[in-house]
Structures are given as structure tokens and as C-alpha cells.
Amino acid sequence: MGQKIHPHGFRLGIYKKHSAFWYADRNTYSKILKQDIFIRNYLKEKINTCFLVSIIINRKLDSIDLTVNIVKNTSKFNNELFEQFIRELSVLLKNKFNVELRSFNFVEVLNPDTCASFVADSIKLQLEKRLPFRKIMKDAVVKSIKAGSKGIKIQISGRLNGAEIARSEWIREGRVPLHTLNANIDYCNSRAQTIFGVLGIKVWLYNE
């Protein structure tokens, strides 16, 4: 039963914080939420998912402060290109919603193998390249434990290796206390598009 609730929502206010900070009345709530979804979808489309860890939106009246947590320790990282995406986003927000992007900040994630979103997206890319799923899971577990995680669980579901009947396979190493509220559990789910169909990926990481 420990998997029936989202680990982040379960721990909001304890270990987890909201990814957007603003207040709206019932007449403007849907409008502002639509803007947030637009910003997130735009950045996810433009920035490689293996670079993007999280997006934090902070609003004050008609202005937005944007913080993007990314992985920089890769040869493919291009800071100028990312800043160009932000400038384009600023123009789109002004023209489409009449909202000013007041500031943006890139924050480097120094230890990406302890971030569930990075692990899930890296698994996704490898599955789409048709690499063996068991080797992918084992490699991800070894990297996360070496990086300092206290525990990790990975589950992949779907037509694994092109099997006719879909099934789920999972691997766990260390402790993953899903029922402990003051345990810092990071969680992410992703989907890999393969020639055999969609594979669902879930990653739970326990960090101290």
C-alpha cells in the first residue's frame, strides 16, 4: 500500500516544497495555472529531459521569477543556447499572457544520480535505444548508491523485450521507507516510446 500515494504530495511541508509559489482567487486561478503549464511544457520541449531536473515558478503580481535546476556536467551542455530559450520564453509570455519574466536563474545539480527525475529520464533514453532493461536498471542502481543514496527502487512496466504479454519488473537496493513521513523520498515517473509500445518507468530514491 505504500505505492498508492505520490511520495512528494505525501511529504509536502516536511521534506518537499511546492514547485510553484503564488496565490490566486477562484476567478484567476485557472488562468495562472494555464500559464504555469505553458512554461513547463515549453522548457521540457526545448531542453533535453536529461538536463532538466526541476522548474520552480515564483510569482509576484504580473511578474515571474523562474529557477531551473539543471545538470551541467555534460559535454552537450550549452549555456548560451539555454539562455536563448529563456529569452524566447520571455517574449512569448509577454505577447500571449501579458506577463513579464522578471528574472531567471540556472542552478546546477552537482550530484544528478541522486535525483529521481534524472535517473528516470536517463533510463528512458536507454530503453528507447533498445538496450537490455535489466542491465539499465542494475547500472542505475549502482550509480545512485555510489553517488550517496541510501536506497533506490526502480520499476519498469510494459512489453519488456518485445514480449506479447505486458509485465512489470523491479529492482531495489538499500532502504526505501515509503511510509516514513520524515524520510526524504524523491520520486519520478516517465514513459519510454519504443517500437513495442510504451514502457512505464518509476523511480524511488531515498536520500538523507
C-alpha atoms as a PDB file:
ATOM      1  CA  MET A   1       0.000   0.000   0.000  1.00  0.00           C
ATOM      2  CA  GLY A   2       2.995   2.292   0.251  1.00  0.00           C
ATOM      3  CA  GLN A   3       2.852   2.976  -3.500  1.00  0.00           C
ATOM      4  CA  LYS A   4      -0.759   4.206  -3.624  1.00  0.00           C
ATOM      5  CA  ILE A   5       0.081   7.835  -2.861  1.00  0.00           C
ATOM      6  CA  HIS A   6       2.523  10.199  -4.529  1.00  0.00           C
ATOM      7  CA  PRO A   7       5.634  10.430  -2.280  1.00  0.00           C
ATOM      8  CA  HIS A   8       6.023  14.176  -2.929  1.00  0.00           C
ATOM      9  CA  GLY A   9       2.433  15.110  -2.108  1.00  0.00           C
ATOM     10  CA  PHE A  10       2.591  12.925   0.997  1.00  0.00           C
ATOM     11  CA  ARG A  11       5.604  14.903   2.303  1.00  0.00           C
ATOM     12  CA  LEU A  12       4.707  18.477   1.333  1.00  0.00           C
ATOM     13  CA  GLY A  13       5.699  20.803   4.145  1.00  0.00           C
ATOM     14  CA  ILE A  14       8.018  18.214   5.706  1.00  0.00           C
ATOM     15  CA  TYR A  15      10.746  17.358   3.195  1.00  0.00           C
ATOM     16  CA  LYS A  16       9.185  18.572  -0.042  1.00  0.00           C
ATOM     17  CA  LYS A  17       8.279  22.061  -1.184  1.00  0.00           C
ATOM     18  CA  HIS A  18       5.856  23.219  -3.826  1.00  0.00           C
ATOM     19  CA  SER A  19       7.257  23.774  -7.313  1.00  0.00           C
ATOM     20  CA  ALA A  20       5.216  26.974  -7.741  1.00  0.00           C
ATOM     21  CA  PHE A  21       4.668  29.833  -5.292  1.00  0.00           C
ATOM     22  CA  TRP A  22       1.718  32.150  -5.903  1.00  0.00           C
ATOM     23  CA  TYR A  23      -1.781  32.981  -4.726  1.00  0.00           C
ATOM     24  CA  ALA A  24      -4.890  33.485  -6.862  1.00  0.00           C
ATOM     25  CA  ASP A  25      -8.612  33.831  -6.275  1.00  0.00           C
ATOM     26  CA  ARG A  26     -11.067  31.490  -7.950  1.00  0.00           C
ATOM     27  CA  ASN A  27     -11.562  33.837 -10.914  1.00  0.00           C
ATOM     28  CA  THR A  28      -7.889  33.884 -11.951  1.00  0.00           C
ATOM     29  CA  TYR A  29      -6.649  30.511 -10.662  1.00  0.00           C
ATOM     30  CA  SER A  30      -7.231  28.592 -13.912  1.00  0.00           C
ATOM     31  CA  LYS A  31      -5.628  31.376 -15.961  1.00  0.00           C
ATOM     32  CA  ILE A  32      -2.427  31.365 -13.870  1.00  0.00           C
ATOM     33  CA  LEU A  33      -2.305  27.568 -13.786  1.00  0.00           C
ATOM     34  CA  LYS A  34      -2.524  27.528 -17.581  1.00  0.00           C
ATOM     35  CA  GLN A  35       0.472  29.881 -17.730  1.00  0.00           C
ATOM     36  CA  ASP A  36       2.474  27.595 -15.421  1.00  0.00           C
ATOM     37  CA  ILE A  37       1.686  24.570 -17.590  1.00  0.00           C
ATOM     38  CA  PHE A  38       2.704  26.522 -20.695  1.00  0.00           C
ATOM     39  CA  ILE A  39       6.078  27.452 -19.121  1.00  0.00           C
ATOM     40  CA  ARG A  40       6.826  23.884 -18.006  1.00  0.00           C
ATOM     41  CA  ASN A  41       5.834  22.324 -21.336  1.00  0.00           C
ATOM     42  CA  TYR A  42       7.896  24.876 -23.266  1.00  0.00           C
ATOM     43  CA  LEU A  43      11.051  24.230 -21.228  1.00  0.00           C
ATOM     44  CA  LYS A  44      10.598  20.441 -21.320  1.00  0.00           C
ATOM     45  CA  GLU A  45      10.229  20.605 -25.095  1.00  0.00           C
ATOM     46  CA  LYS A  46      13.254  22.847 -25.617  1.00  0.00           C
ATOM     47  CA  ILE A  47      15.638  21.430 -23.016  1.00  0.00           C
ATOM     48  CA  ASN A  48      16.807  17.828 -23.137  1.00  0.00           C
ATOM     49  CA  THR A  49      15.000  15.999 -20.309  1.00  0.00           C
ATOM     50  CA  CYS A  50      18.294  14.587 -19.022  1.00  0.00           C
ATOM     51  CA  PHE A  51      19.484  18.154 -18.381  1.00  0.00           C
ATOM     52  CA  LEU A  52      16.266  19.344 -16.726  1.00  0.00           C
ATOM     53  CA  VAL A  53      15.712  18.325 -13.096  1.00  0.00           C
ATOM     54  CA  SER A  54      13.034  20.739 -11.856  1.00  0.00           C
ATOM     55  CA  ILE A  55      11.348  24.081 -12.574  1.00  0.00           C
ATOM     56  CA  ILE A  56      10.369  26.458  -9.755  1.00  0.00           C
ATOM     57  CA  ILE A  57       7.974  29.322 -10.506  1.00  0.00           C
ATOM     58  CA  ASN A  58       7.617  32.278  -8.152  1.00  0.00           C
ATOM     59  CA  ARG A  59       5.005  34.934  -8.981  1.00  0.00           C
ATOM     60  CA  LYS A  60       4.565  38.489  -7.770  1.00  0.00           C
ATOM     61  CA  LEU A  61       1.624  40.356  -9.325  1.00  0.00           C
ATOM     62  CA  ASP A  62       2.269  40.309 -13.102  1.00  0.00           C
ATOM     63  CA  SER A  63       5.895  39.168 -12.980  1.00  0.00           C
ATOM     64  CA  ILE A  64       7.552  35.757 -12.769  1.00  0.00           C
ATOM     65  CA  ASP A  65      10.825  34.657 -11.188  1.00  0.00           C
ATOM     66  CA  LEU A  66      11.973  31.390 -12.727  1.00  0.00           C
ATOM     67  CA  THR A  67      14.513  28.947 -11.279  1.00  0.00           C
ATOM     68  CA  VAL A  68      15.583  25.998 -13.426  1.00  0.00           C
ATOM     69  CA  ASN A  69      17.588  23.181 -11.829  1.00  0.00           C
ATOM     70  CA  ILE A  70      19.713  21.517 -14.485  1.00  0.00           C
ATOM     71  CA  VAL A  71      22.594  19.086 -14.929  1.00  0.00           C
ATOM     72  CA  LYS A  72      25.629  20.824 -16.431  1.00  0.00           C
ATOM     73  CA  ASN A  73      28.315  18.161 -16.163  1.00  0.00           C
ATOM     74  CA  THR A  74      27.971  17.018 -19.750  1.00  0.00           C
ATOM     75  CA  SER A  75      29.771  17.914 -22.965  1.00  0.00           C
ATOM     76  CA  LYS A  76      26.432  18.652 -24.658  1.00  0.00           C
ATOM     77  CA  PHE A  77      25.504  21.428 -22.236  1.00  0.00           C
ATOM     78  CA  ASN A  78      25.262  24.801 -23.964  1.00  0.00           C
ATOM     79  CA  ASN A  79      24.649  27.709 -21.600  1.00  0.00           C
ATOM     80  CA  GLU A  80      24.127  30.241 -24.411  1.00  0.00           C
ATOM     81  CA  LEU A  81      21.503  28.039 -26.069  1.00  0.00           C
ATOM     82  CA  PHE A  82      19.603  27.662 -22.796  1.00  0.00           C
ATOM     83  CA  GLU A  83      19.629  31.417 -22.262  1.00  0.00           C
ATOM     84  CA  GLN A  84      18.265  31.859 -25.787  1.00  0.00           C
ATOM     85  CA  PHE A  85      15.332  29.585 -24.879  1.00  0.00           C
ATOM     86  CA  ILE A  86      14.624  31.764 -21.837  1.00  0.00           C
ATOM     87  CA  ARG A  87      14.658  34.942 -23.938  1.00  0.00           C
ATOM     88  CA  GLU A  88      12.207  33.357 -26.386  1.00  0.00           C
ATOM     89  CA  LEU A  89      10.004  32.295 -23.476  1.00  0.00           C
ATOM     90  CA  SER A  90      10.050  35.846 -22.120  1.00  0.00           C
ATOM     91  CA  VAL A  91       8.751  37.201 -25.437  1.00  0.00           C
ATOM     92  CA  LEU A  92       6.061  34.505 -25.651  1.00  0.00           C
ATOM     93  CA  LEU A  93       4.818  35.218 -22.125  1.00  0.00           C
ATOM     94  CA  LYS A  94       4.639  38.947 -22.836  1.00  0.00           C
ATOM     95  CA  ASN A  95       2.760  38.523 -26.118  1.00  0.00           C
ATOM     96  CA  LYS A  96       0.487  35.641 -25.112  1.00  0.00           C
ATOM     97  CA  PHE A  97      -0.321  36.374 -21.451  1.00  0.00           C
ATOM     98  CA  ASN A  98       0.971  39.939 -20.881  1.00  0.00           C
ATOM     99  CA  VAL A  99       3.219  38.645 -18.091  1.00  0.00           C
ATOM    100  CA  GLU A 100       6.807  39.752 -17.531  1.00  0.00           C
ATOM    101  CA  LEU A 101       9.578  37.227 -16.917  1.00  0.00           C
ATOM    102  CA  ARG A 102      11.428  39.349 -14.372  1.00  0.00           C
ATOM    103  CA  SER A 103      14.329  37.017 -13.617  1.00  0.00           C
ATOM    104  CA  PHE A 104      15.577  33.544 -14.366  1.00  0.00           C
ATOM    105  CA  ASN A 105      18.305  31.535 -12.745  1.00  0.00           C
ATOM    106  CA  PHE A 106      20.035  28.305 -13.695  1.00  0.00           C
ATOM    107  CA  VAL A 107      21.012  26.199 -10.670  1.00  0.00           C
ATOM    108  CA  GLU A 108      23.450  23.363 -11.292  1.00  0.00           C
ATOM    109  CA  VAL A 109      22.664  19.969  -9.759  1.00  0.00           C
ATOM    110  CA  LEU A 110      26.065  18.655  -8.713  1.00  0.00           C
ATOM    111  CA  ASN A 111      25.015  15.075  -7.960  1.00  0.00           C
ATOM    112  CA  PRO A 112      22.376  14.125 -10.570  1.00  0.00           C
ATOM    113  CA  ASP A 113      22.438  10.385  -9.799  1.00  0.00           C
ATOM    114  CA  THR A 114      20.646  11.164  -6.518  1.00  0.00           C
ATOM    115  CA  CYS A 115      17.767  12.895  -8.400  1.00  0.00           C
ATOM    116  CA  ALA A 116      14.873  10.623  -9.355  1.00  0.00           C
ATOM    117  CA  SER A 117      13.953  12.728 -12.410  1.00  0.00           C
ATOM    118  CA  PHE A 118      17.467  12.458 -13.872  1.00  0.00           C
ATOM    119  CA  VAL A 119      17.620   8.693 -13.229  1.00  0.00           C
ATOM    120  CA  ALA A 120      14.163   8.133 -14.774  1.00  0.00           C
ATOM    121  CA  ASP A 121      14.954  10.186 -17.876  1.00  0.00           C
ATOM    122  CA  SER A 122      18.325   8.506 -18.403  1.00  0.00           C
ATOM    123  CA  ILE A 123      16.595   5.092 -18.172  1.00  0.00           C
ATOM    124  CA  LYS A 124      14.009   6.321 -20.676  1.00  0.00           C
ATOM    125  CA  LEU A 125      16.672   7.315 -23.225  1.00  0.00           C
ATOM    126  CA  GLN A 126      18.449   3.966 -22.900  1.00  0.00           C
ATOM    127  CA  LEU A 127      15.211   1.991 -23.282  1.00  0.00           C
ATOM    128  CA  GLU A 128      14.406   3.928 -26.446  1.00  0.00           C
ATOM    129  CA  LYS A 129      17.829   2.871 -27.766  1.00  0.00           C
ATOM    130  CA  ARG A 130      16.710  -0.761 -27.161  1.00  0.00           C
ATOM    131  CA  LEU A 131      19.365  -1.576 -24.564  1.00  0.00           C
ATOM    132  CA  PRO A 132      18.643  -4.540 -22.209  1.00  0.00           C
ATOM    133  CA  PHE A 133      16.313  -3.306 -19.469  1.00  0.00           C
ATOM    134  CA  ARG A 134      17.849  -5.421 -16.677  1.00  0.00           C
ATOM    135  CA  LYS A 135      21.327  -4.034 -17.363  1.00  0.00           C
ATOM    136  CA  ILE A 136      19.889  -0.495 -17.440  1.00  0.00           C
ATOM    137  CA  MET A 137      18.246  -0.971 -14.030  1.00  0.00           C
ATOM    138  CA  LYS A 138      21.345  -2.519 -12.448  1.00  0.00           C
ATOM    139  CA  ASP A 139      23.625   0.241 -13.768  1.00  0.00           C
ATOM    140  CA  ALA A 140      21.248   2.944 -12.470  1.00  0.00           C
ATOM    141  CA  VAL A 141      21.144   1.313  -9.023  1.00  0.00           C
ATOM    142  CA  VAL A 142      24.947   1.064  -8.806  1.00  0.00           C
ATOM    143  CA  LYS A 143      25.416   4.713  -9.857  1.00  0.00           C
ATOM    144  CA  SER A 144      22.845   6.018  -7.365  1.00  0.00           C
ATOM    145  CA  ILE A 145      24.253   4.047  -4.427  1.00  0.00           C
ATOM    146  CA  LYS A 146      27.796   5.168  -5.309  1.00  0.00           C
ATOM    147  CA  ALA A 147      26.558   8.770  -5.501  1.00  0.00           C
ATOM    148  CA  GLY A 148      25.362   8.589  -1.898  1.00  0.00           C
ATOM    149  CA  SER A 149      21.715   7.489  -1.996  1.00  0.00           C
ATOM    150  CA  LYS A 150      20.629   5.319   0.938  1.00  0.00           C
ATOM    151  CA  GLY A 151      18.231   3.306  -1.184  1.00  0.00           C
ATOM    152  CA  ILE A 152      16.651   3.079  -4.624  1.00  0.00           C
ATOM    153  CA  LYS A 153      13.784   1.218  -6.238  1.00  0.00           C
ATOM    154  CA  ILE A 154      13.167   1.103  -9.992  1.00  0.00           C
ATOM    155  CA  GLN A 155      10.131  -0.382 -11.730  1.00  0.00           C
ATOM    156  CA  ILE A 156       9.638  -0.778 -15.483  1.00  0.00           C
ATOM    157  CA  SER A 157       6.281  -1.915 -16.897  1.00  0.00           C
ATOM    158  CA  GLY A 158       5.129  -2.823 -20.393  1.00  0.00           C
ATOM    159  CA  ARG A 159       6.088  -5.168 -23.212  1.00  0.00           C
ATOM    160  CA  LEU A 160       9.620  -5.772 -21.972  1.00  0.00           C
ATOM    161  CA  ASN A 161      11.991  -7.097 -24.650  1.00  0.00           C
ATOM    162  CA  GLY A 162       9.026  -7.143 -27.043  1.00  0.00           C
ATOM    163  CA  ALA A 163       7.090  -9.799 -25.095  1.00  0.00           C
ATOM    164  CA  GLU A 164       3.470 -10.304 -26.201  1.00  0.00           C
ATOM    165  CA  ILE A 165       2.167 -10.002 -22.627  1.00  0.00           C
ATOM    166  CA  ALA A 166       2.988  -6.868 -20.660  1.00  0.00           C
ATOM    167  CA  ARG A 167       4.530  -7.287 -17.212  1.00  0.00           C
ATOM    168  CA  SER A 168       6.380  -5.343 -14.534  1.00  0.00           C
ATOM    169  CA  GLU A 169       9.973  -5.836 -13.415  1.00  0.00           C
ATOM    170  CA  TRP A 170      11.546  -4.068 -10.461  1.00  0.00           C
ATOM    171  CA  ILE A 171      14.803  -3.891  -8.554  1.00  0.00           C
ATOM    172  CA  ARG A 172      15.577  -2.459  -5.134  1.00  0.00           C
ATOM    173  CA  GLU A 173      18.775  -1.762  -3.231  1.00  0.00           C
ATOM    174  CA  GLY A 174      19.076  -0.326   0.271  1.00  0.00           C
ATOM    175  CA  ARG A 175      16.182   1.201   2.246  1.00  0.00           C
ATOM    176  CA  VAL A 176      13.173   2.892   0.640  1.00  0.00           C
ATOM    177  CA  PRO A 177      10.811   3.715   3.584  1.00  0.00           C
ATOM    178  CA  LEU A 178       7.666   4.884   1.755  1.00  0.00           C
ATOM    179  CA  HIS A 179       5.532   5.149   4.924  1.00  0.00           C
ATOM    180  CA  THR A 180       8.001   7.260   6.921  1.00  0.00           C
ATOM    181  CA  LEU A 181       6.988  10.911   6.612  1.00  0.00           C
ATOM    182  CA  ASN A 182      10.356  12.345   7.637  1.00  0.00           C
ATOM    183  CA  ALA A 183      12.202  10.169   5.113  1.00  0.00           C
ATOM    184  CA  ASN A 184      13.457  12.196   2.152  1.00  0.00           C
ATOM    185  CA  ILE A 185      11.977  10.160  -0.708  1.00  0.00           C
ATOM    186  CA  ASP A 186      12.459  11.510  -4.224  1.00  0.00           C
ATOM    187  CA  TYR A 187      10.108  10.095  -6.858  1.00  0.00           C
ATOM    188  CA  CYS A 188       9.634  10.413 -10.598  1.00  0.00           C
ATOM    189  CA  ASN A 189       7.766   8.568 -13.309  1.00  0.00           C
ATOM    190  CA  SER A 190       8.462   8.678 -17.024  1.00  0.00           C
ATOM    191  CA  ARG A 191       7.460   6.933 -20.249  1.00  0.00           C
ATOM    192  CA  ALA A 192       9.668   5.458 -22.960  1.00  0.00           C
ATOM    193  CA  GLN A 193       8.292   5.240 -26.502  1.00  0.00           C
ATOM    194  CA  THR A 194       9.601   2.006 -28.057  1.00  0.00           C
ATOM    195  CA  ILE A 195       8.711   0.070 -31.206  1.00  0.00           C
ATOM    196  CA  PHE A 196       6.835  -2.396 -28.985  1.00  0.00           C
ATOM    197  CA  GLY A 197       4.746   0.294 -27.305  1.00  0.00           C
ATOM    198  CA  VAL A 198       5.008   2.476 -24.227  1.00  0.00           C
ATOM    199  CA  LEU A 199       7.119   1.420 -21.238  1.00  0.00           C
ATOM    200  CA  GLY A 200       6.324   2.991 -17.870  1.00  0.00           C
ATOM    201  CA  ILE A 201       9.238   3.899 -15.598  1.00  0.00           C
ATOM    202  CA  LYS A 202       9.027   4.643 -11.872  1.00  0.00           C
ATOM    203  CA  VAL A 203      11.968   5.603  -9.656  1.00  0.00           C
ATOM    204  CA  TRP A 204      12.018   5.990  -5.866  1.00  0.00           C
ATOM    205  CA  LEU A 205      15.201   7.355  -4.244  1.00  0.00           C
ATOM    206  CA  TYR A 206      15.918   7.641  -0.534  1.00  0.00           C
ATOM    207  CA  ASN A 207      18.384  10.408   0.323  1.00  0.00           C
ATOM    208  CA  GLU A 208      19.417  11.761   3.703  1.00  0.00           C
END
